[in-house]
Amino acid sequence: MNAETQGYAALAEPAAAQMPADGLPPGQLPPDRQPVVIAALRTPIRRVNGAFKDLRAHELLAPVLRGLLDRTGLPAGAVTDVVIGNAVGGGGNVARLASLEAGLPVSVPGVTVDRQCGSGLDAIVLAARLVAAGGGGAYLAGGVESISTAPLRANRAADGSPEFFRRAQFVPLSYGDPDMGAAADNVAAAFGISRDRQDRFSLESHRRALAAAAAGSFTGETVPVQAVSGTVASDDGPRARLTAALMSRFPPVFAEGGTVTAGNSCFDADAAAAVVITSVERARELGAADGLLVLGTDTAGVDPRVLGMGAAAAAGRLLAQQGVTAADIDLVDFNEAFASQTLACLAALGIDPERANLDGGALALGHAYGASGAVLVTRLLAQAREPSPAGSRAGSLALAMISIAGGMGTAALFRYERLDETRRE
């Protein structure tokens, strides 16, 4: 590790003086304020300019919102708010647009959240905090991204002509404002993540996703979407023919002599995902049998040059605040934007990669920016509902985390419970 990458590694830790995580421990909050996720659905995750190339963001999200109402029996008019994350859309409050597209009454408001890749998870976090603050009600929260139909963006030049740009600026240029791929190479160098480890981890992600799809693990969480080409009901990312020999042939993409390649990076995708989050009290009124209780959440900042470490900074602080160790966590889903940052974050937290992303992640399924954080929660609820070899997963701890452009990360800690068995206040 050279002096520059040593400096990056040191700056990956959030300052101790920052505010602590927001704790929402069950047993300290009454049932009318304890947030719980009782349903979660997503669209298939499809490659950019593929099956969803003609669907705008609100058209992708609307079937998910309708599906959640059908799944829970929540009356459309009883939705308190629709909170949706989006990163590269055209603005105009896609939450409101999708809500009306889904047939919710005009009395239901909507708000759109932008924390780039973290937007979907941050939307769920915001809804959880509204419940915990005593806001009551029931929220539809999640994220959506239609990269295929995202508008062209431009700055206005001095003469008024457009100067088109590929992405927005994340941080001041004094930080270098690195692309995500360049930052992933920085992480690989700073934390000693070899090319071989990245390639092997990526292959394993594809293997797990293929096995999960074959076992039907994604079926119950996926809402079929009607596209121009017909009904789309499955993901198209996992590659059965990907091999170690093929992976080794991919050249570095972002830095000469680097280790990050197209093979050990995620691909851009279109998708939507959302949850129903409410209080334990309201969940019981709706007849919900189980759910993910929100124990706590945190968002942290790190040096933008190693932005991929943001998730570890947030999750590390959250677990410490909750008095939880890596060994205590049963289910982990981390957005696999790049193998290098995934491996570095898991190592920083002391989590064995074998225990994370049990059904594969974004390296195989794709990264739909604003939707990806909500996909994590959708996956965790589905996994928690699958019996473990020891039987029911009731009481299991689940961790969702995502690193974010600009040098940030968001994490959320859940506990899966049968709601008819949780302690009544």
Foldseek 3Di string as FASTA:
>chain_A
DDPVLLVQVVQLAFDPPDDFFFFQAPPVAALQQFKWFQAKAKAAWEFAPPQCLPPAFLQQALLQVLVQCVVLVDDLAQAQEEEEEEEQADDPFSRLVSSVVNPRDPVHYYGYAYQWLCRFQVQVVVVSVCSNVNVFTKYKGGYWFRPSPGDWDFDQDPVRDTDTDDHDQQDDCVLVSDDPLQLLLSLCVSQVPALLNLLVLLLVLLVLQVVCVVVVLNQVRHDWHQGPVGTDTHFDFRDPPDDPVNSVPFDRDPDVVTRFGLLQFFGATGMAMITMMGGLVVSVVSVRFKTWTWRIKFKGFGRLSNLLSQQLNGVVSGCVVVVHALVQAQEEEEARRGSSSVVSSCVSRVHDSCRYSSRHHRSRRNRRTRRRQNVRRSSVGSVQCDADPVGHNQQHKYKYKYGGRSGMIMMTIIGMHGSVPDDHD
